[in-house]
PDB file of N, CA and C in Angstrom:
ATOM      1  N   UNK A   1      41.656 -72.125 -14.200  1.00  0.00           N
ATOM      2  CA  UNK A   1      40.738 -72.185 -15.289  1.00  0.00           C
ATOM      3  C   UNK A   1      41.470 -72.122 -16.625  1.00  0.00           C
ATOM      4  N   UNK A   2      42.492 -71.298 -16.741  1.00  0.00           N
ATOM      5  CA  UNK A   2      43.217 -71.196 -18.006  1.00  0.00           C
ATOM      6  C   UNK A   2      43.870 -72.529 -18.365  1.00  0.00           C
ATOM      7  N   UNK A   3      44.393 -73.221 -17.368  1.00  0.00           N
ATOM      8  CA  UNK A   3      45.005 -74.531 -17.618  1.00  0.00           C
ATOM      9  C   UNK A   3      43.962 -75.514 -18.149  1.00  0.00           C
ATOM     10  N   UNK A   4      42.748 -75.447 -17.611  1.00  0.00           N
ATOM     11  CA  UNK A   4      41.669 -76.317 -18.070  1.00  0.00           C
ATOM     12  C   UNK A   4      41.385 -76.072 -19.557  1.00  0.00           C
ATOM     13  N   UNK A   5      41.284 -74.803 -19.926  1.00  0.00           N
ATOM     14  CA  UNK A   5      41.047 -74.453 -21.328  1.00  0.00           C
ATOM     15  C   UNK A   5      42.201 -74.900 -22.212  1.00  0.00           C
ATOM     16  N   UNK A   6      43.419 -74.664 -21.756  1.00  0.00           N
ATOM     17  CA  UNK A   6      44.595 -75.046 -22.542  1.00  0.00           C
ATOM     18  C   UNK A   6      44.636 -76.547 -22.801  1.00  0.00           C
ATOM     19  N   UNK A   7      44.327 -77.343 -21.791  1.00  0.00           N
ATOM     20  CA  UNK A   7      44.337 -78.801 -21.957  1.00  0.00           C
ATOM     21  C   UNK A   7      43.283 -79.239 -22.970  1.00  0.00           C
ATOM     22  N   UNK A   8      42.094 -78.674 -22.887  1.00  0.00           N
ATOM     23  CA  UNK A   8      41.029 -79.034 -23.829  1.00  0.00           C
ATOM     24  C   UNK A   8      41.393 -78.597 -25.242  1.00  0.00           C
ATOM     25  N   UNK A   9      41.923 -77.393 -25.375  1.00  0.00           N
ATOM     26  CA  UNK A   9      42.307 -76.898 -26.696  1.00  0.00           C
ATOM     27  C   UNK A   9      43.403 -77.758 -27.309  1.00  0.00           C
ATOM     28  N   UNK A  10      44.371 -78.144 -26.519  1.00  0.00           N
ATOM     29  CA  UNK A  10      45.446 -79.002 -27.011  1.00  0.00           C
ATOM     30  C   UNK A  10      44.891 -80.331 -27.514  1.00  0.00           C
ATOM     31  N   UNK A  11      43.970 -80.901 -26.755  1.00  0.00           N
ATOM     32  CA  UNK A  11      43.361 -82.158 -27.169  1.00  0.00           C
ATOM     33  C   UNK A  11      42.602 -81.987 -28.490  1.00  0.00           C
ATOM     34  N   UNK A  12      41.708 -81.001 -28.562  1.00  0.00           N
ATOM     35  CA  UNK A  12      40.879 -80.826 -29.747  1.00  0.00           C
ATOM     36  C   UNK A  12      41.680 -80.385 -30.963  1.00  0.00           C
ATOM     37  N   UNK A  13      42.800 -79.712 -30.749  1.00  0.00           N
ATOM     38  CA  UNK A  13      43.664 -79.320 -31.860  1.00  0.00           C
ATOM     39  C   UNK A  13      44.192 -80.557 -32.586  1.00  0.00           C
ATOM     40  N   UNK A  14      44.455 -81.623 -31.823  1.00  0.00           N
ATOM     41  CA  UNK A  14      44.969 -82.848 -32.413  1.00  0.00           C
ATOM     42  C   UNK A  14      43.912 -83.759 -32.997  1.00  0.00           C
ATOM     43  N   UNK A  15      42.652 -83.501 -32.724  1.00  0.00           N
ATOM     44  CA  UNK A  15      41.583 -84.389 -33.186  1.00  0.00           C
ATOM     45  C   UNK A  15      41.192 -84.084 -34.629  1.00  0.00           C
ATOM     46  N   UNK A  16      40.874 -82.820 -34.901  1.00  0.00           N
ATOM     47  CA  UNK A  16      40.416 -82.442 -36.239  1.00  0.00           C
ATOM     48  C   UNK A  16      40.643 -80.949 -36.420  1.00  0.00           C
ATOM     49  N   UNK A  17      41.014 -80.579 -37.621  1.00  0.00           N
ATOM     50  CA  UNK A  17      41.252 -79.174 -37.913  1.00  0.00           C
ATOM     51  C   UNK A  17      39.998 -78.350 -37.648  1.00  0.00           C
ATOM     52  N   UNK A  18      40.161 -77.281 -36.922  1.00  0.00           N
ATOM     53  CA  UNK A  18      39.059 -76.377 -36.617  1.00  0.00           C
ATOM     54  C   UNK A  18      38.276 -76.728 -35.355  1.00  0.00           C
ATOM     55  N   UNK A  19      38.480 -77.929 -34.820  1.00  0.00           N
ATOM     56  CA  UNK A  19      37.707 -78.326 -33.648  1.00  0.00           C
ATOM     57  C   UNK A  19      38.111 -77.528 -32.411  1.00  0.00           C
ATOM     58  N   UNK A  20      39.386 -77.220 -32.267  1.00  0.00           N
ATOM     59  CA  UNK A  20      39.843 -76.401 -31.142  1.00  0.00           C
ATOM     60  C   UNK A  20      39.221 -75.006 -31.219  1.00  0.00           C
ATOM     61  N   UNK A  21      39.136 -74.457 -32.424  1.00  0.00           N
ATOM     62  CA  UNK A  21      38.500 -73.140 -32.599  1.00  0.00           C
ATOM     63  C   UNK A  21      37.023 -73.197 -32.215  1.00  0.00           C
ATOM     64  N   UNK A  22      36.355 -74.284 -32.588  1.00  0.00           N
ATOM     65  CA  UNK A  22      34.945 -74.444 -32.230  1.00  0.00           C
ATOM     66  C   UNK A  22      34.772 -74.527 -30.708  1.00  0.00           C
ATOM     67  N   UNK A  23      35.674 -75.269 -30.051  1.00  0.00           N
ATOM     68  CA  UNK A  23      35.617 -75.371 -28.591  1.00  0.00           C
ATOM     69  C   UNK A  23      35.820 -73.993 -27.961  1.00  0.00           C
ATOM     70  N   UNK A  24      36.830 -73.269 -28.429  1.00  0.00           N
ATOM     71  CA  UNK A  24      37.119 -71.923 -27.907  1.00  0.00           C
ATOM     72  C   UNK A  24      35.902 -71.019 -28.060  1.00  0.00           C
ATOM     73  N   UNK A  25      35.301 -71.022 -29.245  1.00  0.00           N
ATOM     74  CA  UNK A  25      34.135 -70.165 -29.487  1.00  0.00           C
ATOM     75  C   UNK A  25      32.984 -70.516 -28.545  1.00  0.00           C
ATOM     76  N   UNK A  26      32.755 -71.803 -28.340  1.00  0.00           N
ATOM     77  CA  UNK A  26      31.660 -72.198 -27.452  1.00  0.00           C
ATOM     78  C   UNK A  26      31.966 -71.847 -25.999  1.00  0.00           C
ATOM     79  N   UNK A  27      33.210 -72.020 -25.568  1.00  0.00           N
ATOM     80  CA  UNK A  27      33.585 -71.649 -24.196  1.00  0.00           C
ATOM     81  C   UNK A  27      33.409 -70.143 -23.986  1.00  0.00           C
ATOM     82  N   UNK A  28      33.836 -69.333 -24.952  1.00  0.00           N
ATOM     83  CA  UNK A  28      33.691 -67.885 -24.823  1.00  0.00           C
ATOM     84  C   UNK A  28      32.218 -67.480 -24.813  1.00  0.00           C
ATOM     85  N   UNK A  29      31.397 -68.152 -25.611  1.00  0.00           N
ATOM     86  CA  UNK A  29      29.960 -67.868 -25.601  1.00  0.00           C
ATOM     87  C   UNK A  29      29.355 -68.240 -24.250  1.00  0.00           C
ATOM     88  N   UNK A  30      29.821 -69.340 -23.655  1.00  0.00           N
ATOM     89  CA  UNK A  30      29.332 -69.731 -22.330  1.00  0.00           C
ATOM     90  C   UNK A  30      29.713 -68.686 -21.285  1.00  0.00           C
ATOM     91  N   UNK A  31      30.946 -68.190 -21.335  1.00  0.00           N
ATOM     92  CA  UNK A  31      31.376 -67.160 -20.385  1.00  0.00           C
ATOM     93  C   UNK A  31      30.532 -65.902 -20.547  1.00  0.00           C
ATOM     94  N   UNK A  32      30.249 -65.541 -21.791  1.00  0.00           N
ATOM     95  CA  UNK A  32      29.439 -64.357 -22.056  1.00  0.00           C
ATOM     96  C   UNK A  32      28.018 -64.534 -21.500  1.00  0.00           C
ATOM     97  N   UNK A  33      27.456 -65.712 -21.715  1.00  0.00           N
ATOM     98  CA  UNK A  33      26.108 -65.970 -21.195  1.00  0.00           C
ATOM     99  C   UNK A  33      26.093 -65.961 -19.669  1.00  0.00           C
ATOM    100  N   UNK A  34      27.133 -66.519 -19.056  1.00  0.00           N
ATOM    101  CA  UNK A  34      27.233 -66.500 -17.591  1.00  0.00           C
ATOM    102  C   UNK A  34      27.274 -65.056 -17.090  1.00  0.00           C
ATOM    103  N   UNK A  35      28.040 -64.226 -17.775  1.00  0.00           N
ATOM    104  CA  UNK A  35      28.151 -62.818 -17.366  1.00  0.00           C
ATOM    105  C   UNK A  35      26.805 -62.097 -17.486  1.00  0.00           C
ATOM    106  N   UNK A  36      26.042 -62.422 -18.520  1.00  0.00           N
ATOM    107  CA  UNK A  36      24.771 -61.738 -18.758  1.00  0.00           C
ATOM    108  C   UNK A  36      23.618 -62.300 -17.934  1.00  0.00           C
ATOM    109  N   UNK A  37      23.638 -63.634 -17.710  1.00  0.00           N
ATOM    110  CA  UNK A  37      22.515 -64.302 -17.036  1.00  0.00           C
ATOM    111  C   UNK A  37      23.028 -65.270 -15.974  1.00  0.00           C
ATOM    112  N   UNK A  38      23.761 -64.767 -15.035  1.00  0.00           N
ATOM    113  CA  UNK A  38      24.424 -65.639 -14.057  1.00  0.00           C
ATOM    114  C   UNK A  38      23.441 -66.413 -13.181  1.00  0.00           C
ATOM    115  N   UNK A  39      22.264 -65.869 -12.933  1.00  0.00           N
ATOM    116  CA  UNK A  39      21.287 -66.539 -12.072  1.00  0.00           C
ATOM    117  C   UNK A  39      20.489 -67.625 -12.807  1.00  0.00           C
ATOM    118  N   UNK A  40      20.642 -67.728 -14.094  1.00  0.00           N
ATOM    119  CA  UNK A  40      19.826 -68.621 -14.914  1.00  0.00           C
ATOM    120  C   UNK A  40      20.223 -70.085 -14.795  1.00  0.00           C
ATOM    121  N   UNK A  41      21.454 -70.368 -14.512  1.00  0.00           N
ATOM    122  CA  UNK A  41      21.962 -71.727 -14.596  1.00  0.00           C
ATOM    123  C   UNK A  41      21.774 -72.496 -13.287  1.00  0.00           C
ATOM    124  N   UNK A  42      21.641 -73.801 -13.423  1.00  0.00           N
ATOM    125  CA  UNK A  42      21.325 -74.656 -12.281  1.00  0.00           C
ATOM    126  C   UNK A  42      22.532 -74.853 -11.364  1.00  0.00           C
ATOM    127  N   UNK A  43      22.268 -75.359 -10.187  1.00  0.00           N
ATOM    128  CA  UNK A  43      23.320 -75.658  -9.222  1.00  0.00           C
ATOM    129  C   UNK A  43      23.863 -77.057  -9.461  1.00  0.00           C
ATOM    130  N   UNK A  44      25.160 -77.195  -9.358  1.00  0.00           N
ATOM    131  CA  UNK A  44      25.830 -78.484  -9.402  1.00  0.00           C
ATOM    132  C   UNK A  44      25.769 -79.092  -8.004  1.00  0.00           C
ATOM    133  N   UNK A  45      26.107 -80.354  -7.882  1.00  0.00           N
ATOM    134  CA  UNK A  45      26.074 -81.018  -6.572  1.00  0.00           C
ATOM    135  C   UNK A  45      27.049 -80.392  -5.572  1.00  0.00           C
ATOM    136  N   UNK A  46      28.061 -79.657  -6.060  1.00  0.00           N
ATOM    137  CA  UNK A  46      29.037 -79.020  -5.174  1.00  0.00           C
ATOM    138  C   UNK A  46      28.517 -77.702  -4.599  1.00  0.00           C
ATOM    139  N   UNK A  47      27.370 -77.222  -5.086  1.00  0.00           N
ATOM    140  CA  UNK A  47      26.798 -75.982  -4.582  1.00  0.00           C
ATOM    141  C   UNK A  47      27.080 -74.768  -5.444  1.00  0.00           C
ATOM    142  N   UNK A  48      27.924 -74.914  -6.472  1.00  0.00           N
ATOM    143  CA  UNK A  48      28.193 -73.805  -7.397  1.00  0.00           C
ATOM    144  C   UNK A  48      27.238 -73.908  -8.583  1.00  0.00           C
ATOM    145  N   UNK A  49      27.073 -72.809  -9.247  1.00  0.00           N
ATOM    146  CA  UNK A  49      26.246 -72.822 -10.451  1.00  0.00           C
ATOM    147  C   UNK A  49      27.033 -73.470 -11.589  1.00  0.00           C
ATOM    148  N   UNK A  50      26.283 -74.064 -12.513  1.00  0.00           N
ATOM    149  CA  UNK A  50      26.893 -74.843 -13.585  1.00  0.00           C
ATOM    150  C   UNK A  50      26.279 -74.461 -14.930  1.00  0.00           C
ATOM    151  N   UNK A  51      27.145 -74.196 -15.887  1.00  0.00           N
ATOM    152  CA  UNK A  51      26.729 -73.935 -17.281  1.00  0.00           C
ATOM    153  C   UNK A  51      27.352 -75.025 -18.144  1.00  0.00           C
ATOM    154  N   UNK A  52      26.512 -75.832 -18.779  1.00  0.00           N
ATOM    155  CA  UNK A  52      26.998 -76.885 -19.654  1.00  0.00           C
ATOM    156  C   UNK A  52      27.284 -76.328 -21.044  1.00  0.00           C
ATOM    157  N   UNK A  53      28.367 -76.801 -21.647  1.00  0.00           N
ATOM    158  CA  UNK A  53      28.593 -76.501 -23.052  1.00  0.00           C
ATOM    159  C   UNK A  53      27.661 -77.389 -23.856  1.00  0.00           C
ATOM    160  N   UNK A  54      27.212 -76.919 -25.000  1.00  0.00           N
ATOM    161  CA  UNK A  54      26.235 -77.669 -25.775  1.00  0.00           C
ATOM    162  C   UNK A  54      26.869 -78.763 -26.626  1.00  0.00           C
ATOM    163  N   UNK A  55      27.958 -78.462 -27.279  1.00  0.00           N
ATOM    164  CA  UNK A  55      28.538 -79.378 -28.258  1.00  0.00           C
ATOM    165  C   UNK A  55      29.662 -80.233 -27.695  1.00  0.00           C
ATOM    166  N   UNK A  56      30.238 -79.832 -26.606  1.00  0.00           N
ATOM    167  CA  UNK A  56      31.395 -80.512 -26.039  1.00  0.00           C
ATOM    168  C   UNK A  56      31.061 -81.021 -24.634  1.00  0.00           C
ATOM    169  N   UNK A  57      31.693 -82.111 -24.208  1.00  0.00           N
ATOM    170  CA  UNK A  57      31.386 -82.686 -22.884  1.00  0.00           C
ATOM    171  C   UNK A  57      32.105 -81.959 -21.749  1.00  0.00           C
ATOM    172  N   UNK A  58      31.888 -80.665 -21.655  1.00  0.00           N
ATOM    173  CA  UNK A  58      32.497 -79.811 -20.639  1.00  0.00           C
ATOM    174  C   UNK A  58      31.427 -78.960 -19.992  1.00  0.00           C
ATOM    175  N   UNK A  59      31.716 -78.479 -18.801  1.00  0.00           N
ATOM    176  CA  UNK A  59      30.838 -77.533 -18.119  1.00  0.00           C
ATOM    177  C   UNK A  59      31.697 -76.535 -17.345  1.00  0.00           C
ATOM    178  N   UNK A  60      31.081 -75.418 -17.026  1.00  0.00           N
ATOM    179  CA  UNK A  60      31.738 -74.334 -16.300  1.00  0.00           C
ATOM    180  C   UNK A  60      31.076 -74.221 -14.939  1.00  0.00           C
ATOM    181  N   UNK A  61      31.884 -74.238 -13.886  1.00  0.00           N
ATOM    182  CA  UNK A  61      31.378 -74.004 -12.529  1.00  0.00           C
ATOM    183  C   UNK A  61      31.769 -72.599 -12.119  1.00  0.00           C
ATOM    184  N   UNK A  62      30.819 -71.890 -11.514  1.00  0.00           N
ATOM    185  CA  UNK A  62      31.094 -70.502 -11.127  1.00  0.00           C
ATOM    186  C   UNK A  62      30.327 -70.126  -9.869  1.00  0.00           C
ATOM    187  N   UNK A  63      30.821 -69.052  -9.252  1.00  0.00           N
ATOM    188  CA  UNK A  63      30.192 -68.483  -8.058  1.00  0.00           C
ATOM    189  C   UNK A  63      29.719 -67.078  -8.375  1.00  0.00           C
ATOM    190  N   UNK A  64      28.619 -66.714  -7.775  1.00  0.00           N
ATOM    191  CA  UNK A  64      28.143 -65.336  -7.872  1.00  0.00           C
ATOM    192  C   UNK A  64      28.543 -64.636  -6.589  1.00  0.00           C
ATOM    193  N   UNK A  65      29.375 -63.621  -6.737  1.00  0.00           N
ATOM    194  CA  UNK A  65      29.858 -62.837  -5.605  1.00  0.00           C
ATOM    195  C   UNK A  65      29.289 -61.429  -5.718  1.00  0.00           C
ATOM    196  N   UNK A  66      29.339 -60.644  -4.660  1.00  0.00           N
ATOM    197  CA  UNK A  66      28.825 -59.273  -4.743  1.00  0.00           C
ATOM    198  C   UNK A  66      29.520 -58.487  -5.867  1.00  0.00           C
ATOM    199  N   UNK A  67      28.749 -58.115  -6.861  1.00  0.00           N
ATOM    200  CA  UNK A  67      29.262 -57.286  -7.938  1.00  0.00           C
ATOM    201  C   UNK A  67      30.052 -58.007  -9.016  1.00  0.00           C
ATOM    202  N   UNK A  68      30.178 -59.332  -8.937  1.00  0.00           N
ATOM    203  CA  UNK A  68      30.956 -60.044  -9.953  1.00  0.00           C
ATOM    204  C   UNK A  68      30.628 -61.531  -9.947  1.00  0.00           C
ATOM    205  N   UNK A  69      31.099 -62.188 -10.987  1.00  0.00           N
ATOM    206  CA  UNK A  69      30.985 -63.632 -11.118  1.00  0.00           C
ATOM    207  C   UNK A  69      32.397 -64.177 -11.210  1.00  0.00           C
ATOM    208  N   UNK A  70      32.668 -65.245 -10.473  1.00  0.00           N
ATOM    209  CA  UNK A  70      33.999 -65.855 -10.500  1.00  0.00           C
ATOM    210  C   UNK A  70      33.888 -67.271 -11.063  1.00  0.00           C
ATOM    211  N   UNK A  71      34.522 -67.477 -12.213  1.00  0.00           N
ATOM    212  CA  UNK A  71      34.561 -68.800 -12.817  1.00  0.00           C
ATOM    213  C   UNK A  71      35.644 -69.599 -12.119  1.00  0.00           C
ATOM    214  N   UNK A  72      35.249 -70.753 -11.611  1.00  0.00           N
ATOM    215  CA  UNK A  72      36.166 -71.577 -10.833  1.00  0.00           C
ATOM    216  C   UNK A  72      36.883 -72.627 -11.678  1.00  0.00           C
ATOM    217  N   UNK A  73      36.149 -73.271 -12.581  1.00  0.00           N
ATOM    218  CA  UNK A  73      36.745 -74.380 -13.319  1.00  0.00           C
ATOM    219  C   UNK A  73      35.964 -74.624 -14.606  1.00  0.00           C
ATOM    220  N   UNK A  74      36.697 -75.021 -15.631  1.00  0.00           N
ATOM    221  CA  UNK A  74      36.109 -75.554 -16.855  1.00  0.00           C
ATOM    222  C   UNK A  74      36.467 -77.030 -16.816  1.00  0.00           C
ATOM    223  N   UNK A  75      35.463 -77.872 -16.648  1.00  0.00           N
ATOM    224  CA  UNK A  75      35.725 -79.276 -16.324  1.00  0.00           C
ATOM    225  C   UNK A  75      35.039 -80.220 -17.308  1.00  0.00           C
ATOM    226  N   UNK A  76      35.764 -81.268 -17.686  1.00  0.00           N
ATOM    227  CA  UNK A  76      35.190 -82.320 -18.517  1.00  0.00           C
ATOM    228  C   UNK A  76      34.103 -83.019 -17.713  1.00  0.00           C
ATOM    229  N   UNK A  77      33.051 -83.447 -18.380  1.00  0.00           N
ATOM    230  CA  UNK A  77      31.916 -84.062 -17.691  1.00  0.00           C
ATOM    231  C   UNK A  77      32.286 -85.337 -16.944  1.00  0.00           C
ATOM    232  N   UNK A  78      33.329 -86.026 -17.375  1.00  0.00           N
ATOM    233  CA  UNK A  78      33.727 -87.274 -16.711  1.00  0.00           C
ATOM    234  C   UNK A  78      34.841 -87.084 -15.683  1.00  0.00           C
ATOM    235  N   UNK A  79      35.246 -85.868 -15.458  1.00  0.00           N
ATOM    236  CA  UNK A  79      36.308 -85.599 -14.483  1.00  0.00           C
ATOM    237  C   UNK A  79      35.766 -85.781 -13.074  1.00  0.00           C
ATOM    238  N   UNK A  80      36.642 -86.085 -12.159  1.00  0.00           N
ATOM    239  CA  UNK A  80      36.251 -86.229 -10.755  1.00  0.00           C
ATOM    240  C   UNK A  80      35.475 -84.988 -10.318  1.00  0.00           C
ATOM    241  N   UNK A  81      34.308 -85.167  -9.703  1.00  0.00           N
ATOM    242  CA  UNK A  81      33.480 -84.017  -9.313  1.00  0.00           C
ATOM    243  C   UNK A  81      34.167 -83.034  -8.365  1.00  0.00           C
ATOM    244  N   UNK A  82      35.212 -83.453  -7.700  1.00  0.00           N
ATOM    245  CA  UNK A  82      35.932 -82.542  -6.795  1.00  0.00           C
ATOM    246  C   UNK A  82      37.021 -81.748  -7.510  1.00  0.00           C
ATOM    247  N   UNK A  83      37.309 -82.083  -8.782  1.00  0.00           N
ATOM    248  CA  UNK A  83      38.383 -81.424  -9.510  1.00  0.00           C
ATOM    249  C   UNK A  83      38.155 -79.919  -9.606  1.00  0.00           C
ATOM    250  N   UNK A  84      39.138 -79.152  -9.167  1.00  0.00           N
ATOM    251  CA  UNK A  84      39.132 -77.709  -9.315  1.00  0.00           C
ATOM    252  C   UNK A  84      38.381 -76.927  -8.266  1.00  0.00           C
ATOM    253  N   UNK A  85      37.776 -77.581  -7.315  1.00  0.00           N
ATOM    254  CA  UNK A  85      36.945 -76.853  -6.347  1.00  0.00           C
ATOM    255  C   UNK A  85      37.747 -76.170  -5.246  1.00  0.00           C
ATOM    256  N   UNK A  86      38.984 -76.531  -5.064  1.00  0.00           N
ATOM    257  CA  UNK A  86      39.787 -75.916  -4.007  1.00  0.00           C
ATOM    258  C   UNK A  86      40.597 -74.725  -4.513  1.00  0.00           C
ATOM    259  N   UNK A  87      40.386 -74.330  -5.738  1.00  0.00           N
ATOM    260  CA  UNK A  87      41.144 -73.211  -6.323  1.00  0.00           C
ATOM    261  C   UNK A  87      40.726 -71.902  -5.692  1.00  0.00           C
ATOM    262  N   UNK A  88      41.652 -70.990  -5.642  1.00  0.00           N
ATOM    263  CA  UNK A  88      41.371 -69.651  -5.103  1.00  0.00           C
ATOM    264  C   UNK A  88      41.307 -68.637  -6.215  1.00  0.00           C
TER     265      UNK A  88
END
């Protein structure tokens, strides 16, 4: 997941000043919302829950486990749907 964030941040850093910061803020807000309302978000076709970012073409896939939430991948909307699903 950290590599996914790093790649997106690197891209947005080169696009426009402040855009990487905006992406970071939105990703952190998504993680916070997932932590607070993990059952609220819809299921992706892979069977994991999915939280879409509002301003950027990315989404977060996560699992709800006993006592915790595990974020599996931060994925661009056009990325192969299988990307990141085999991570441990």
